[in-house]
Amino acid sequence: MLLGVRSHSTRKDMSFLSGMMMAGFVVLLVAVVANLFLHIPALSLAISVMFILFFSSAISWETSNIIHGGEANYIRATVSLYVSLYNIFVSLLSIFVGMRSN
């Protein structure tokens, strides 16, 4: 134990996020399709922020799923977490580039 921190400090199951993540995915999909036709810079920034929120909750859900035994294939779990982190990074880059160009 390092400085009193337990390895599994949260015992809360994040499976309740699955419904909200499905709704968030639909909203993101509609926003991306709308942005393909409208080309509004503010909408692009809003989509990037929504992606960050979506993939942050995806990391929480996936980590909870791994801890509570819902995911037995650790390679798939690792790739899924990596893709979520990558998407957060790309969305942050998009926000910083969008703020710089204004």
N, C-alpha and C. Protein backbone atom coordinates (compact mmCIF):
# COMPACT_ATOMS: atom_id res chain seq x y z
N MET A 1 0.84 -1.16 0.00
CA MET A 1 0.00 0.00 0.00
C MET A 1 0.89 1.23 0.00
N LEU A 2 0.70 2.10 -0.96
CA LEU A 2 1.51 3.29 -1.11
C LEU A 2 0.74 4.49 -0.58
N LEU A 3 1.23 5.07 0.49
CA LEU A 3 0.62 6.25 1.10
C LEU A 3 -0.86 6.05 1.43
N GLY A 4 -1.23 4.87 1.81
CA GLY A 4 -2.60 4.60 2.23
C GLY A 4 -3.60 4.47 1.10
N VAL A 5 -3.15 4.38 -0.13
CA VAL A 5 -4.05 4.25 -1.27
C VAL A 5 -4.25 2.77 -1.58
N ARG A 6 -5.50 2.35 -1.60
CA ARG A 6 -5.80 0.96 -1.94
C ARG A 6 -5.77 0.78 -3.44
N SER A 7 -5.49 -0.43 -3.89
CA SER A 7 -5.40 -0.69 -5.33
C SER A 7 -6.77 -0.52 -6.01
N HIS A 8 -7.83 -0.87 -5.34
CA HIS A 8 -9.19 -0.70 -5.87
C HIS A 8 -9.91 0.27 -4.93
N SER A 9 -9.64 1.55 -5.08
CA SER A 9 -10.19 2.51 -4.14
C SER A 9 -11.69 2.73 -4.33
N THR A 10 -12.20 2.45 -5.51
CA THR A 10 -13.63 2.58 -5.71
C THR A 10 -14.25 1.20 -5.88
N ARG A 11 -15.31 0.98 -5.19
CA ARG A 11 -16.02 -0.28 -5.31
C ARG A 11 -17.31 -0.09 -6.10
N LYS A 12 -17.52 1.13 -6.58
CA LYS A 12 -18.75 1.44 -7.29
C LYS A 12 -18.70 0.84 -8.70
N ASP A 13 -19.78 0.21 -9.07
CA ASP A 13 -19.91 -0.37 -10.40
C ASP A 13 -20.42 0.71 -11.35
N MET A 14 -19.69 0.93 -12.42
CA MET A 14 -20.04 1.98 -13.38
C MET A 14 -20.90 1.47 -14.53
N SER A 15 -21.55 0.34 -14.36
CA SER A 15 -22.36 -0.21 -15.45
C SER A 15 -23.57 0.66 -15.77
N PHE A 16 -23.93 1.56 -14.85
CA PHE A 16 -25.06 2.46 -15.11
C PHE A 16 -24.74 3.45 -16.23
N LEU A 17 -23.47 3.59 -16.59
CA LEU A 17 -23.08 4.51 -17.64
C LEU A 17 -23.43 4.01 -19.04
N SER A 18 -23.74 2.74 -19.19
CA SER A 18 -23.95 2.18 -20.53
C SER A 18 -25.12 2.85 -21.26
N GLY A 19 -26.20 3.10 -20.58
CA GLY A 19 -27.35 3.75 -21.22
C GLY A 19 -27.05 5.19 -21.60
N MET A 20 -26.39 5.91 -20.69
CA MET A 20 -26.03 7.30 -20.98
C MET A 20 -25.01 7.38 -22.11
N MET A 21 -24.11 6.39 -22.17
CA MET A 21 -23.12 6.40 -23.23
C MET A 21 -23.76 6.12 -24.59
N MET A 22 -24.78 5.30 -24.61
CA MET A 22 -25.49 5.04 -25.87
C MET A 22 -26.19 6.31 -26.35
N ALA A 23 -26.83 7.01 -25.43
CA ALA A 23 -27.48 8.27 -25.79
C ALA A 23 -26.44 9.30 -26.23
N GLY A 24 -25.31 9.35 -25.55
CA GLY A 24 -24.24 10.27 -25.94
C GLY A 24 -23.67 9.94 -27.30
N PHE A 25 -23.57 8.65 -27.60
CA PHE A 25 -23.08 8.24 -28.92
C PHE A 25 -24.02 8.71 -30.02
N VAL A 26 -25.32 8.59 -29.79
CA VAL A 26 -26.30 9.03 -30.80
C VAL A 26 -26.21 10.55 -31.00
N VAL A 27 -26.08 11.29 -29.90
CA VAL A 27 -25.95 12.75 -29.99
C VAL A 27 -24.67 13.12 -30.75
N LEU A 28 -23.57 12.44 -30.43
CA LEU A 28 -22.32 12.71 -31.14
C LEU A 28 -22.43 12.39 -32.62
N LEU A 29 -23.07 11.29 -32.94
CA LEU A 29 -23.23 10.90 -34.34
C LEU A 29 -24.03 11.95 -35.11
N VAL A 30 -25.12 12.42 -34.52
CA VAL A 30 -25.95 13.45 -35.16
C VAL A 30 -25.16 14.74 -35.32
N ALA A 31 -24.38 15.11 -34.30
CA ALA A 31 -23.59 16.34 -34.36
C ALA A 31 -22.50 16.25 -35.43
N VAL A 32 -21.86 15.11 -35.54
CA VAL A 32 -20.81 14.95 -36.56
C VAL A 32 -21.41 15.01 -37.96
N VAL A 33 -22.54 14.36 -38.17
CA VAL A 33 -23.19 14.41 -39.49
C VAL A 33 -23.65 15.83 -39.79
N ALA A 34 -24.18 16.54 -38.81
CA ALA A 34 -24.60 17.93 -39.03
C ALA A 34 -23.39 18.81 -39.36
N ASN A 35 -22.27 18.54 -38.71
CA ASN A 35 -21.08 19.34 -38.96
C ASN A 35 -20.49 19.07 -40.35
N LEU A 36 -20.75 17.88 -40.90
CA LEU A 36 -20.29 17.60 -42.26
C LEU A 36 -20.94 18.53 -43.27
N PHE A 37 -22.19 18.92 -43.00
CA PHE A 37 -22.91 19.78 -43.93
C PHE A 37 -22.82 21.26 -43.57
N LEU A 38 -22.75 21.59 -42.28
CA LEU A 38 -22.82 22.98 -41.85
C LEU A 38 -21.46 23.68 -41.77
N HIS A 39 -20.41 22.95 -41.42
CA HIS A 39 -19.05 23.50 -41.30
C HIS A 39 -18.98 24.71 -40.37
N ILE A 40 -19.53 24.57 -39.19
CA ILE A 40 -19.51 25.64 -38.20
C ILE A 40 -18.35 25.38 -37.24
N PRO A 41 -17.39 26.34 -37.11
CA PRO A 41 -16.24 26.12 -36.24
C PRO A 41 -16.63 25.91 -34.77
N ALA A 42 -17.64 26.63 -34.29
CA ALA A 42 -18.07 26.46 -32.90
C ALA A 42 -18.64 25.07 -32.67
N LEU A 43 -19.32 24.52 -33.67
CA LEU A 43 -19.85 23.16 -33.56
C LEU A 43 -18.71 22.15 -33.53
N SER A 44 -17.66 22.41 -34.27
CA SER A 44 -16.50 21.52 -34.24
C SER A 44 -15.86 21.50 -32.84
N LEU A 45 -15.75 22.66 -32.23
CA LEU A 45 -15.20 22.72 -30.87
C LEU A 45 -16.13 22.03 -29.88
N ALA A 46 -17.43 22.21 -30.05
CA ALA A 46 -18.39 21.56 -29.16
C ALA A 46 -18.33 20.03 -29.31
N ILE A 47 -18.15 19.56 -30.54
CA ILE A 47 -18.03 18.13 -30.78
C ILE A 47 -16.77 17.59 -30.10
N SER A 48 -15.67 18.34 -30.17
CA SER A 48 -14.44 17.91 -29.51
C SER A 48 -14.63 17.80 -28.01
N VAL A 49 -15.33 18.75 -27.42
CA VAL A 49 -15.60 18.70 -25.98
C VAL A 49 -16.51 17.51 -25.65
N MET A 50 -17.51 17.27 -26.50
CA MET A 50 -18.39 16.11 -26.27
C MET A 50 -17.62 14.80 -26.40
N PHE A 51 -16.67 14.73 -27.34
CA PHE A 51 -15.83 13.54 -27.47
C PHE A 51 -15.01 13.31 -26.21
N ILE A 52 -14.46 14.38 -25.65
CA ILE A 52 -13.67 14.25 -24.42
C ILE A 52 -14.54 13.72 -23.29
N LEU A 53 -15.73 14.26 -23.13
CA LEU A 53 -16.64 13.78 -22.09
C LEU A 53 -17.06 12.34 -22.33
N PHE A 54 -17.35 12.01 -23.58
CA PHE A 54 -17.78 10.65 -23.91
C PHE A 54 -16.68 9.64 -23.62
N PHE A 55 -15.47 9.92 -24.08
CA PHE A 55 -14.40 8.95 -23.89
C PHE A 55 -13.87 8.93 -22.47
N SER A 56 -14.04 10.01 -21.71
CA SER A 56 -13.71 9.96 -20.29
C SER A 56 -14.65 9.02 -19.55
N SER A 57 -15.93 9.11 -19.88
CA SER A 57 -16.88 8.17 -19.26
C SER A 57 -16.65 6.75 -19.77
N ALA A 58 -16.19 6.61 -21.02
CA ALA A 58 -15.88 5.28 -21.55
C ALA A 58 -14.71 4.65 -20.79
N ILE A 59 -13.72 5.46 -20.43
CA ILE A 59 -12.60 4.95 -19.65
C ILE A 59 -13.08 4.47 -18.28
N SER A 60 -13.95 5.25 -17.64
CA SER A 60 -14.50 4.84 -16.33
C SER A 60 -15.29 3.55 -16.45
N TRP A 61 -16.12 3.46 -17.48
CA TRP A 61 -16.94 2.27 -17.67
C TRP A 61 -16.08 1.05 -17.97
N GLU A 62 -15.09 1.21 -18.86
CA GLU A 62 -14.23 0.08 -19.22
C GLU A 62 -13.37 -0.39 -18.05
N THR A 63 -12.85 0.57 -17.28
CA THR A 63 -12.04 0.20 -16.12
C THR A 63 -12.87 -0.53 -15.09
N SER A 64 -14.09 -0.05 -14.85
CA SER A 64 -14.98 -0.73 -13.92
C SER A 64 -15.32 -2.13 -14.43
N ASN A 65 -15.51 -2.24 -15.72
CA ASN A 65 -15.82 -3.54 -16.32
C ASN A 65 -14.65 -4.51 -16.14
N ILE A 66 -13.43 -4.01 -16.28
CA ILE A 66 -12.24 -4.85 -16.09
C ILE A 66 -12.11 -5.28 -14.63
N ILE A 67 -12.29 -4.34 -13.71
CA ILE A 67 -12.12 -4.63 -12.28
C ILE A 67 -13.16 -5.61 -11.79
N HIS A 68 -14.40 -5.46 -12.22
CA HIS A 68 -15.49 -6.30 -11.73
C HIS A 68 -15.66 -7.59 -12.53
N GLY A 69 -14.70 -7.92 -13.38
CA GLY A 69 -14.71 -9.21 -14.05
C GLY A 69 -15.57 -9.31 -15.29
N GLY A 70 -16.04 -8.21 -15.83
CA GLY A 70 -16.87 -8.27 -17.02
C GLY A 70 -16.09 -8.46 -18.30
N GLU A 71 -14.80 -8.16 -18.25
CA GLU A 71 -13.95 -8.30 -19.43
C GLU A 71 -12.83 -9.28 -19.12
N ALA A 72 -12.84 -10.41 -19.81
CA ALA A 72 -11.83 -11.44 -19.57
C ALA A 72 -10.68 -11.35 -20.56
N ASN A 73 -10.90 -10.74 -21.71
CA ASN A 73 -9.85 -10.60 -22.72
C ASN A 73 -9.10 -9.30 -22.46
N TYR A 74 -7.91 -9.42 -21.88
CA TYR A 74 -7.18 -8.23 -21.46
C TYR A 74 -6.55 -7.50 -22.63
N ILE A 75 -6.32 -8.17 -23.73
CA ILE A 75 -5.79 -7.48 -24.91
C ILE A 75 -6.85 -6.54 -25.47
N ARG A 76 -8.08 -7.01 -25.58
CA ARG A 76 -9.18 -6.17 -26.04
C ARG A 76 -9.42 -5.00 -25.09
N ALA A 77 -9.33 -5.27 -23.79
CA ALA A 77 -9.53 -4.21 -22.80
C ALA A 77 -8.42 -3.16 -22.91
N THR A 78 -7.19 -3.60 -23.10
CA THR A 78 -6.07 -2.67 -23.22
C THR A 78 -6.19 -1.81 -24.47
N VAL A 79 -6.55 -2.43 -25.58
CA VAL A 79 -6.72 -1.69 -26.83
C VAL A 79 -7.87 -0.69 -26.70
N SER A 80 -8.93 -1.09 -26.04
CA SER A 80 -10.08 -0.21 -25.86
C SER A 80 -9.70 1.01 -25.02
N LEU A 81 -8.94 0.80 -23.94
CA LEU A 81 -8.49 1.92 -23.13
C LEU A 81 -7.53 2.81 -23.91
N TYR A 82 -6.65 2.20 -24.69
CA TYR A 82 -5.71 2.97 -25.50
C TYR A 82 -6.45 3.84 -26.52
N VAL A 83 -7.45 3.28 -27.17
CA VAL A 83 -8.21 4.04 -28.17
C VAL A 83 -8.95 5.20 -27.51
N SER A 84 -9.48 4.99 -26.32
CA SER A 84 -10.15 6.08 -25.61
C SER A 84 -9.17 7.20 -25.27
N LEU A 85 -7.99 6.83 -24.78
CA LEU A 85 -6.97 7.85 -24.48
C LEU A 85 -6.52 8.57 -25.75
N TYR A 86 -6.35 7.84 -26.83
CA TYR A 86 -5.96 8.44 -28.10
C TYR A 86 -7.02 9.44 -28.58
N ASN A 87 -8.29 9.07 -28.48
CA ASN A 87 -9.36 9.97 -28.92
C ASN A 87 -9.44 11.22 -28.06
N ILE A 88 -9.19 11.08 -26.77
CA ILE A 88 -9.14 12.27 -25.90
C ILE A 88 -8.00 13.18 -26.32
N PHE A 89 -6.84 12.59 -26.60
CA PHE A 89 -5.69 13.37 -27.03
C PHE A 89 -5.97 14.11 -28.34
N VAL A 90 -6.55 13.42 -29.31
CA VAL A 90 -6.86 14.04 -30.60
C VAL A 90 -7.90 15.15 -30.42
N SER A 91 -8.87 14.94 -29.57
CA SER A 91 -9.88 15.98 -29.32
C SER A 91 -9.27 17.20 -28.64
N LEU A 92 -8.35 16.97 -27.71
CA LEU A 92 -7.65 18.10 -27.09
C LEU A 92 -6.82 18.87 -28.11
N LEU A 93 -6.15 18.16 -29.00
CA LEU A 93 -5.39 18.83 -30.06
C LEU A 93 -6.31 19.65 -30.95
N SER A 94 -7.47 19.11 -31.26
CA SER A 94 -8.44 19.83 -32.09
C SER A 94 -8.91 21.11 -31.40
N ILE A 95 -9.13 21.04 -30.11
CA ILE A 95 -9.55 22.23 -29.35
C ILE A 95 -8.44 23.27 -29.34
N PHE A 96 -7.22 22.85 -29.08
CA PHE A 96 -6.11 23.80 -29.02
C PHE A 96 -5.85 24.44 -30.38
N VAL A 97 -5.95 23.68 -31.47
CA VAL A 97 -5.76 24.23 -32.80
C VAL A 97 -6.90 25.19 -33.13
N GLY A 98 -8.11 24.85 -32.76
CA GLY A 98 -9.26 25.71 -33.01
C GLY A 98 -9.19 27.02 -32.25
N MET A 99 -8.67 26.97 -31.02
CA MET A 99 -8.53 28.20 -30.25
C MET A 99 -7.37 29.05 -30.76
N ARG A 100 -6.36 28.41 -31.29
CA ARG A 100 -5.20 29.14 -31.79
C ARG A 100 -5.52 29.86 -33.10
N SER A 101 -6.35 29.25 -33.93
CA SER A 101 -6.64 29.84 -35.25
C SER A 101 -7.56 31.05 -35.15
N ASN A 102 -8.26 31.21 -34.05
CA ASN A 102 -9.17 32.36 -33.91
C ASN A 102 -8.43 33.56 -33.53
